[in-house]
């Protein structure tokens, strides 16, 4: 089963302080670029993989979709249900490592910063491919391999105060243990070529890849984003099931 770090009290409370937790999609600086990848949502059947507080679920529902929000965390699902009014969204607890979905039951599979926690990505991609209708889309963001590569994630600072991000161990894929709101957070490092190859092997065609970085306007509005222009922390990917 996937690590359920989001039900750890310290982690959950720390995560609640992030801008994307407080302000939702508008607090996620990559959201405008993710939004541009989306197809029209009216009448679509959408599954949100690792739905968290349900921000995207509500956005998709409000834009005409029927939505299934999946998460392994009971705390996240409880918060999502509390924040959701009206119909059109079903929230369910699910381990994405062992996910099963009916064939051709989904038009769009969406995930924000969840898939880098998973070890068995090939099985998930295979499940999603058979669950999508012909022409259906998989759109997700994940931590970039440049960010996940080092065994100890963090900036290195030289004698002149210049920062750099190490990419040592990039070729060595596998588990990375980090301290982020709680000890022992497990993530999986994969080369970018591995992500793409696994999608192709599952039957997808690549539509778009964005090694995301903030715009000058975003940095001006939020100077804390300035260091994110030095290396990609996340990537955004759109893939299609061939019709």
Foldseek 3Di string as FASTA:
>chain_A
DFDQCCQPPLQVVLVCPQQCNVVNLVSDQCNVVLVVLDDQLAAFEEEEEQCFLVSVVVVSVVSHHQYEYEHQHPVRQVNNVVPDDDDRYHYDYDDLQDDAADFQQGQEYEYEADCQRDDPVLVNLLRVLRNHDAFGKYKYKHFALLQVQDLAGDWDQDPVRDTDTDNPNSVPWAWHWYDDSHGGRIGTHDHPVVVVVSNVVSQKDWDDKALDAHDPVVCVVPVVSVCCVRGRGMMITMITRHD
